[in-house]
Amino acid sequence: MQNVTDLTDPTELNQADDPVGRRTRTAESLPLVVGAAVAIAGVGAVLALADIGSPLRAPLTLFFLVMAPAGAVAAALRGLDPLSRSVVAAGGAVAIDLLVAQTMLALHAWSVRGGVAAVAIVSLLLFLLAHVCRRRDDAPRSRAA
């Protein structure tokens, strides 16, 4: 007689019950998906910054303008569960894009190339800040301090 488990209870599902290896394949394919997203976003940024006329320029630049700040915000929110982190990162990306656009419009300095460069710089600074803070938190504490 075959043992039937309740698949709605995650505590009952273990590696022996998962012969397909869904968790392993998902974990192995995640770096590939992230690398492809970074490459697509990079192409979008290059197309916008170099002012290259292409039918792919608008969608790839939009992808960059959403994914670069979302990735930076997600890197800063390591403590949240994945769904909450992605929702907050998407909202943060929209907020960063709007703040950059509003600032550039208020300063009468709006341009597409400047906007893409400003979003890239803000995203890079936020990502580096999150990385530095994480390294500082992970550093071993001395007993003298």
N, C-alpha and C. Protein backbone atom coordinates (compact mmCIF):
# COMPACT_ATOMS: atom_id res chain seq x y z
N MET A 1 0.84 -1.17 0.00
CA MET A 1 0.00 0.00 0.00
C MET A 1 0.89 1.24 0.00
N GLN A 2 0.54 2.20 -0.81
CA GLN A 2 1.36 3.41 -0.98
C GLN A 2 0.99 4.44 0.08
N ASN A 3 2.02 5.12 0.62
CA ASN A 3 1.83 6.14 1.64
C ASN A 3 1.44 7.45 0.95
N VAL A 4 0.26 7.98 1.27
CA VAL A 4 -0.22 9.22 0.68
C VAL A 4 -0.07 10.32 1.73
N THR A 5 0.60 11.42 1.34
CA THR A 5 0.79 12.53 2.27
C THR A 5 -0.05 13.72 1.84
N ASP A 6 -0.34 14.56 2.80
CA ASP A 6 -1.08 15.79 2.53
C ASP A 6 -0.11 16.83 2.00
N LEU A 7 -0.23 17.20 0.71
CA LEU A 7 0.70 18.13 0.11
C LEU A 7 0.48 19.57 0.55
N THR A 8 -0.63 19.83 1.23
CA THR A 8 -0.85 21.19 1.72
C THR A 8 -0.05 21.47 2.98
N ASP A 9 0.44 20.43 3.65
CA ASP A 9 1.25 20.62 4.85
C ASP A 9 2.72 20.57 4.47
N PRO A 10 3.43 21.69 4.51
CA PRO A 10 4.83 21.70 4.07
C PRO A 10 5.75 20.90 4.99
N THR A 11 5.33 20.61 6.21
CA THR A 11 6.19 19.84 7.11
C THR A 11 6.25 18.38 6.72
N GLU A 12 5.23 17.88 5.99
CA GLU A 12 5.21 16.48 5.60
C GLU A 12 5.99 16.21 4.31
N LEU A 13 6.35 17.24 3.58
CA LEU A 13 7.04 17.07 2.31
C LEU A 13 8.54 17.11 2.55
N ASN A 14 9.22 16.02 2.30
CA ASN A 14 10.67 16.00 2.46
C ASN A 14 11.32 15.58 1.15
N GLN A 15 12.61 15.45 1.15
CA GLN A 15 13.34 15.11 -0.08
C GLN A 15 12.90 13.77 -0.64
N ALA A 16 12.57 12.79 0.19
CA ALA A 16 12.17 11.48 -0.31
C ALA A 16 10.82 11.58 -1.03
N ASP A 17 9.95 12.49 -0.59
CA ASP A 17 8.65 12.65 -1.23
C ASP A 17 8.72 13.50 -2.49
N ASP A 18 9.86 14.11 -2.76
CA ASP A 18 10.00 15.00 -3.92
C ASP A 18 10.97 14.36 -4.92
N PRO A 19 10.55 13.31 -5.64
CA PRO A 19 11.47 12.62 -6.54
C PRO A 19 11.89 13.47 -7.73
N VAL A 20 11.08 14.44 -8.09
CA VAL A 20 11.40 15.26 -9.25
C VAL A 20 12.53 16.24 -8.92
N GLY A 21 12.64 16.64 -7.68
CA GLY A 21 13.69 17.57 -7.27
C GLY A 21 13.36 19.00 -7.63
N ARG A 22 12.11 19.39 -7.41
CA ARG A 22 11.70 20.75 -7.78
C ARG A 22 12.50 21.81 -7.04
N ARG A 23 12.73 21.62 -5.75
CA ARG A 23 13.47 22.62 -4.99
C ARG A 23 14.91 22.72 -5.46
N THR A 24 15.50 21.61 -5.79
CA THR A 24 16.89 21.63 -6.25
C THR A 24 17.00 22.32 -7.60
N ARG A 25 16.09 22.02 -8.52
CA ARG A 25 16.13 22.65 -9.84
C ARG A 25 15.85 24.14 -9.75
N THR A 26 14.94 24.52 -8.88
CA THR A 26 14.63 25.94 -8.71
C THR A 26 15.84 26.67 -8.16
N ALA A 27 16.49 26.10 -7.18
CA ALA A 27 17.67 26.74 -6.59
C ALA A 27 18.82 26.81 -7.59
N GLU A 28 18.93 25.81 -8.44
CA GLU A 28 20.01 25.81 -9.43
C GLU A 28 19.72 26.78 -10.57
N SER A 29 18.47 26.99 -10.92
CA SER A 29 18.15 27.86 -12.06
C SER A 29 18.04 29.33 -11.67
N LEU A 30 17.97 29.63 -10.38
CA LEU A 30 17.83 31.02 -9.94
C LEU A 30 18.99 31.91 -10.41
N PRO A 31 20.26 31.49 -10.27
CA PRO A 31 21.34 32.35 -10.77
C PRO A 31 21.26 32.59 -12.28
N LEU A 32 20.79 31.62 -13.02
CA LEU A 32 20.65 31.78 -14.48
C LEU A 32 19.58 32.82 -14.80
N VAL A 33 18.48 32.78 -14.09
CA VAL A 33 17.40 33.74 -14.32
C VAL A 33 17.84 35.14 -13.92
N VAL A 34 18.52 35.26 -12.79
CA VAL A 34 19.01 36.56 -12.34
C VAL A 34 20.04 37.11 -13.32
N GLY A 35 20.92 36.27 -13.81
CA GLY A 35 21.91 36.71 -14.79
C GLY A 35 21.28 37.18 -16.08
N ALA A 36 20.25 36.47 -16.53
CA ALA A 36 19.54 36.89 -17.75
C ALA A 36 18.84 38.23 -17.53
N ALA A 37 18.24 38.44 -16.35
CA ALA A 37 17.57 39.70 -16.06
C ALA A 37 18.57 40.85 -16.01
N VAL A 38 19.73 40.62 -15.42
CA VAL A 38 20.77 41.65 -15.36
C VAL A 38 21.26 41.99 -16.77
N ALA A 39 21.44 40.97 -17.60
CA ALA A 39 21.89 41.21 -18.98
C ALA A 39 20.85 42.01 -19.77
N ILE A 40 19.58 41.65 -19.63
CA ILE A 40 18.53 42.38 -20.34
C ILE A 40 18.46 43.83 -19.87
N ALA A 41 18.54 44.03 -18.55
CA ALA A 41 18.52 45.39 -18.01
C ALA A 41 19.74 46.18 -18.47
N GLY A 42 20.89 45.54 -18.51
CA GLY A 42 22.11 46.20 -18.98
C GLY A 42 22.00 46.63 -20.43
N VAL A 43 21.44 45.78 -21.26
CA VAL A 43 21.24 46.14 -22.67
C VAL A 43 20.29 47.32 -22.78
N GLY A 44 19.25 47.34 -21.96
CA GLY A 44 18.32 48.46 -21.97
C GLY A 44 18.99 49.76 -21.57
N ALA A 45 19.85 49.70 -20.55
CA ALA A 45 20.57 50.90 -20.12
C ALA A 45 21.53 51.38 -21.21
N VAL A 46 22.23 50.46 -21.84
CA VAL A 46 23.17 50.84 -22.90
C VAL A 46 22.43 51.44 -24.08
N LEU A 47 21.30 50.85 -24.47
CA LEU A 47 20.53 51.39 -25.59
C LEU A 47 20.06 52.82 -25.29
N ALA A 48 19.65 53.08 -24.04
CA ALA A 48 19.17 54.42 -23.69
C ALA A 48 20.33 55.41 -23.57
N LEU A 49 21.41 55.00 -22.93
CA LEU A 49 22.53 55.92 -22.71
C LEU A 49 23.28 56.24 -24.00
N ALA A 50 23.37 55.27 -24.90
CA ALA A 50 24.07 55.48 -26.16
C ALA A 50 23.16 56.08 -27.24
N ASP A 51 21.88 56.26 -26.91
CA ASP A 51 20.90 56.83 -27.84
C ASP A 51 20.84 56.04 -29.15
N ILE A 52 20.79 54.72 -29.01
CA ILE A 52 20.72 53.84 -30.17
C ILE A 52 19.26 53.61 -30.52
N GLY A 53 18.91 53.87 -31.75
CA GLY A 53 17.54 53.66 -32.21
C GLY A 53 17.30 52.19 -32.47
N SER A 54 16.39 51.61 -31.73
CA SER A 54 16.07 50.20 -31.89
C SER A 54 14.63 49.99 -31.41
N PRO A 55 13.92 49.04 -31.99
CA PRO A 55 12.58 48.76 -31.49
C PRO A 55 12.59 48.18 -30.08
N LEU A 56 13.71 47.64 -29.65
CA LEU A 56 13.81 47.07 -28.30
C LEU A 56 14.22 48.09 -27.25
N ARG A 57 14.52 49.30 -27.67
CA ARG A 57 15.03 50.31 -26.74
C ARG A 57 14.01 50.63 -25.64
N ALA A 58 12.78 50.90 -25.99
CA ALA A 58 11.77 51.29 -25.00
C ALA A 58 11.46 50.17 -23.99
N PRO A 59 11.16 48.94 -24.44
CA PRO A 59 10.85 47.92 -23.43
C PRO A 59 12.04 47.54 -22.56
N LEU A 60 13.24 47.48 -23.16
CA LEU A 60 14.40 47.10 -22.36
C LEU A 60 14.81 48.22 -21.39
N THR A 61 14.63 49.47 -21.80
CA THR A 61 14.92 50.58 -20.90
C THR A 61 13.92 50.61 -19.76
N LEU A 62 12.66 50.36 -20.06
CA LEU A 62 11.64 50.27 -19.01
C LEU A 62 11.96 49.13 -18.05
N PHE A 63 12.41 48.00 -18.59
CA PHE A 63 12.81 46.88 -17.74
C PHE A 63 13.95 47.29 -16.82
N PHE A 64 14.92 48.02 -17.34
CA PHE A 64 16.02 48.51 -16.51
C PHE A 64 15.52 49.46 -15.43
N LEU A 65 14.63 50.38 -15.81
CA LEU A 65 14.14 51.38 -14.87
C LEU A 65 13.31 50.78 -13.74
N VAL A 66 12.78 49.59 -13.95
CA VAL A 66 12.04 48.91 -12.88
C VAL A 66 12.95 47.97 -12.11
N MET A 67 13.77 47.21 -12.81
CA MET A 67 14.55 46.15 -12.15
C MET A 67 15.77 46.65 -11.39
N ALA A 68 16.42 47.70 -11.84
CA ALA A 68 17.62 48.18 -11.14
C ALA A 68 17.27 48.68 -9.74
N PRO A 69 16.31 49.59 -9.59
CA PRO A 69 15.98 50.00 -8.22
C PRO A 69 15.30 48.89 -7.42
N ALA A 70 14.53 48.03 -8.07
CA ALA A 70 13.89 46.93 -7.33
C ALA A 70 14.94 45.96 -6.78
N GLY A 71 15.96 45.69 -7.56
CA GLY A 71 17.03 44.82 -7.07
C GLY A 71 17.79 45.44 -5.92
N ALA A 72 18.01 46.76 -6.00
CA ALA A 72 18.71 47.44 -4.91
C ALA A 72 17.88 47.47 -3.64
N VAL A 73 16.58 47.71 -3.76
CA VAL A 73 15.72 47.72 -2.58
C VAL A 73 15.61 46.31 -2.01
N ALA A 74 15.49 45.31 -2.88
CA ALA A 74 15.41 43.92 -2.41
C ALA A 74 16.68 43.50 -1.69
N ALA A 75 17.83 43.99 -2.13
CA ALA A 75 19.08 43.66 -1.46
C ALA A 75 19.12 44.26 -0.05
N ALA A 76 18.45 45.38 0.14
CA ALA A 76 18.43 46.02 1.45
C ALA A 76 17.44 45.35 2.40
N LEU A 77 16.51 44.57 1.87
CA LEU A 77 15.45 43.97 2.69
C LEU A 77 15.66 42.47 2.86
N ARG A 78 16.80 42.07 3.32
CA ARG A 78 17.12 40.64 3.43
C ARG A 78 16.26 39.91 4.45
N GLY A 79 15.69 40.59 5.43
CA GLY A 79 14.97 39.92 6.50
C GLY A 79 13.54 39.53 6.16
N LEU A 80 12.99 40.02 5.08
CA LEU A 80 11.60 39.73 4.73
C LEU A 80 11.47 38.42 3.97
N ASP A 81 10.26 37.86 4.00
CA ASP A 81 10.01 36.67 3.20
C ASP A 81 9.99 37.08 1.72
N PRO A 82 10.19 36.14 0.79
CA PRO A 82 10.34 36.50 -0.63
C PRO A 82 9.18 37.27 -1.23
N LEU A 83 7.94 36.91 -0.90
CA LEU A 83 6.80 37.61 -1.49
C LEU A 83 6.73 39.05 -0.99
N SER A 84 6.89 39.25 0.30
CA SER A 84 6.86 40.61 0.85
C SER A 84 8.01 41.44 0.30
N ARG A 85 9.17 40.82 0.18
CA ARG A 85 10.34 41.52 -0.33
C ARG A 85 10.13 41.96 -1.77
N SER A 86 9.53 41.11 -2.60
CA SER A 86 9.31 41.49 -4.00
C SER A 86 8.26 42.59 -4.12
N VAL A 87 7.22 42.56 -3.29
CA VAL A 87 6.19 43.60 -3.35
C VAL A 87 6.77 44.94 -2.89
N VAL A 88 7.51 44.93 -1.79
CA VAL A 88 8.11 46.18 -1.30
C VAL A 88 9.17 46.68 -2.28
N ALA A 89 9.93 45.78 -2.89
CA ALA A 89 10.94 46.19 -3.86
C ALA A 89 10.30 46.82 -5.10
N ALA A 90 9.19 46.27 -5.55
CA ALA A 90 8.49 46.86 -6.71
C ALA A 90 7.97 48.25 -6.37
N GLY A 91 7.38 48.40 -5.20
CA GLY A 91 6.91 49.72 -4.77
C GLY A 91 8.06 50.70 -4.61
N GLY A 92 9.17 50.22 -4.05
CA GLY A 92 10.34 51.08 -3.89
C GLY A 92 10.93 51.50 -5.23
N ALA A 93 10.89 50.60 -6.21
CA ALA A 93 11.40 50.93 -7.54
C ALA A 93 10.58 52.03 -8.19
N VAL A 94 9.27 51.92 -8.06
CA VAL A 94 8.40 52.96 -8.62
C VAL A 94 8.66 54.29 -7.90
N ALA A 95 8.81 54.24 -6.58
CA ALA A 95 9.07 55.46 -5.81
C ALA A 95 10.40 56.10 -6.21
N ILE A 96 11.43 55.31 -6.38
CA ILE A 96 12.74 55.85 -6.79
C ILE A 96 12.65 56.48 -8.17
N ASP A 97 11.98 55.79 -9.10
CA ASP A 97 11.83 56.34 -10.45
C ASP A 97 11.07 57.67 -10.42
N LEU A 98 10.00 57.72 -9.65
CA LEU A 98 9.21 58.95 -9.57
C LEU A 98 9.99 60.08 -8.89
N LEU A 99 10.74 59.77 -7.84
CA LEU A 99 11.53 60.80 -7.18
C LEU A 99 12.63 61.35 -8.08
N VAL A 100 13.27 60.47 -8.85
CA VAL A 100 14.31 60.93 -9.78
C VAL A 100 13.68 61.81 -10.86
N ALA A 101 12.56 61.38 -11.42
CA ALA A 101 11.89 62.18 -12.46
C ALA A 101 11.42 63.53 -11.92
N GLN A 102 10.82 63.52 -10.73
CA GLN A 102 10.32 64.77 -10.15
C GLN A 102 11.47 65.73 -9.83
N THR A 103 12.56 65.21 -9.31
CA THR A 103 13.72 66.06 -9.01
C THR A 103 14.30 66.66 -10.28
N MET A 104 14.44 65.84 -11.31
CA MET A 104 15.00 66.36 -12.56
C MET A 104 14.07 67.37 -13.22
N LEU A 105 12.76 67.14 -13.14
CA LEU A 105 11.81 68.11 -13.69
C LEU A 105 11.83 69.42 -12.91
N ALA A 106 11.94 69.32 -11.58
CA ALA A 106 11.97 70.54 -10.76
C ALA A 106 13.23 71.36 -11.02
N LEU A 107 14.31 70.68 -11.35
CA LEU A 107 15.58 71.37 -11.64
C LEU A 107 15.71 71.74 -13.11
N HIS A 108 14.67 71.49 -13.91
CA HIS A 108 14.69 71.75 -15.35
C HIS A 108 15.89 71.08 -16.02
N ALA A 109 16.16 69.84 -15.60
CA ALA A 109 17.30 69.09 -16.14
C ALA A 109 16.86 67.74 -16.69
N TRP A 110 15.59 67.63 -17.12
CA TRP A 110 15.09 66.33 -17.57
C TRP A 110 15.63 65.96 -18.95
N SER A 111 16.13 64.74 -19.04
CA SER A 111 16.45 64.09 -20.30
C SER A 111 16.36 62.59 -20.06
N VAL A 112 16.12 61.86 -21.12
CA VAL A 112 16.00 60.41 -20.98
C VAL A 112 17.33 59.83 -20.53
N ARG A 113 18.40 60.24 -21.18
CA ARG A 113 19.72 59.72 -20.81
C ARG A 113 20.08 60.08 -19.38
N GLY A 114 19.79 61.33 -18.99
CA GLY A 114 20.07 61.75 -17.62
C GLY A 114 19.23 60.99 -16.60
N GLY A 115 17.97 60.72 -16.94
CA GLY A 115 17.11 59.96 -16.04
C GLY A 115 17.58 58.53 -15.85
N VAL A 116 17.98 57.89 -16.93
CA VAL A 116 18.50 56.53 -16.83
C VAL A 116 19.79 56.51 -16.02
N ALA A 117 20.66 57.49 -16.27
CA ALA A 117 21.92 57.55 -15.50
C ALA A 117 21.65 57.83 -14.03
N ALA A 118 20.70 58.71 -13.72
CA ALA A 118 20.40 59.02 -12.32
C ALA A 118 19.81 57.81 -11.60
N VAL A 119 18.91 57.08 -12.26
CA VAL A 119 18.34 55.88 -11.64
C VAL A 119 19.43 54.83 -11.44
N ALA A 120 20.34 54.71 -12.39
CA ALA A 120 21.44 53.76 -12.24
C ALA A 120 22.32 54.14 -11.06
N ILE A 121 22.63 55.41 -10.90
CA ILE A 121 23.48 55.85 -9.80
C ILE A 121 22.80 55.65 -8.46
N VAL A 122 21.52 56.04 -8.35
CA VAL A 122 20.78 55.86 -7.10
C VAL A 122 20.68 54.38 -6.75
N SER A 123 20.41 53.54 -7.74
CA SER A 123 20.31 52.10 -7.50
C SER A 123 21.64 51.52 -7.06
N LEU A 124 22.72 51.94 -7.72
CA LEU A 124 24.04 51.45 -7.34
C LEU A 124 24.41 51.89 -5.92
N LEU A 125 24.13 53.13 -5.57
CA LEU A 125 24.43 53.61 -4.22
C LEU A 125 23.62 52.87 -3.17
N LEU A 126 22.35 52.62 -3.44
CA LEU A 126 21.51 51.88 -2.50
C LEU A 126 21.99 50.44 -2.35
N PHE A 127 22.37 49.81 -3.46
CA PHE A 127 22.88 48.45 -3.41
C PHE A 127 24.19 48.39 -2.63
N LEU A 128 25.09 49.33 -2.88
CA LEU A 128 26.37 49.34 -2.15
C LEU A 128 26.16 49.63 -0.67
N LEU A 129 25.23 50.51 -0.34
CA LEU A 129 24.93 50.80 1.06
C LEU A 129 24.41 49.55 1.76
N ALA A 130 23.52 48.82 1.12
CA ALA A 130 23.00 47.58 1.70
C ALA A 130 24.11 46.55 1.87
N HIS A 131 25.00 46.47 0.90
CA HIS A 131 26.11 45.52 0.97
C HIS A 131 27.06 45.87 2.11
N VAL A 132 27.39 47.15 2.26
CA VAL A 132 28.29 47.59 3.33
C VAL A 132 27.66 47.35 4.69
N CYS A 133 26.39 47.67 4.83
CA CYS A 133 25.70 47.45 6.11
C CYS A 133 25.64 45.97 6.45
N ARG A 134 25.40 45.11 5.47
CA ARG A 134 25.36 43.68 5.72
C ARG A 134 26.73 43.16 6.13
N ARG A 135 27.79 43.64 5.48
CA ARG A 135 29.15 43.23 5.84
C ARG A 135 29.50 43.67 7.25
N ARG A 136 29.06 44.87 7.60
CA ARG A 136 29.35 45.40 8.93
C ARG A 136 28.60 44.59 9.98
N ASP A 137 27.36 44.18 9.70
CA ASP A 137 26.58 43.38 10.64
C ASP A 137 27.11 41.97 10.76
N ASP A 138 27.69 41.44 9.68
CA ASP A 138 28.22 40.08 9.69
C ASP A 138 29.62 40.00 10.26
N ALA A 139 30.29 41.13 10.43
CA ALA A 139 31.67 41.11 10.93
C ALA A 139 31.69 40.61 12.38
N PRO A 140 32.71 39.82 12.71
CA PRO A 140 32.79 39.32 14.09
C PRO A 140 33.05 40.47 15.06
N ARG A 141 32.37 40.41 16.17
CA ARG A 141 32.52 41.44 17.20
C ARG A 141 33.69 41.07 18.10
N SER A 142 34.47 42.09 18.47
CA SER A 142 35.58 41.83 19.39
C SER A 142 35.03 41.88 20.81
N ARG A 143 35.67 41.15 21.70
CA ARG A 143 35.20 41.10 23.09
C ARG A 143 35.61 42.35 23.86
N ALA A 144 36.58 43.09 23.37
CA ALA A 144 37.05 44.29 24.07
C ALA A 144 36.07 45.44 23.93
N ALA A 145 35.28 45.43 22.84
CA ALA A 145 34.37 46.55 22.57
C ALA A 145 33.12 46.50 23.34
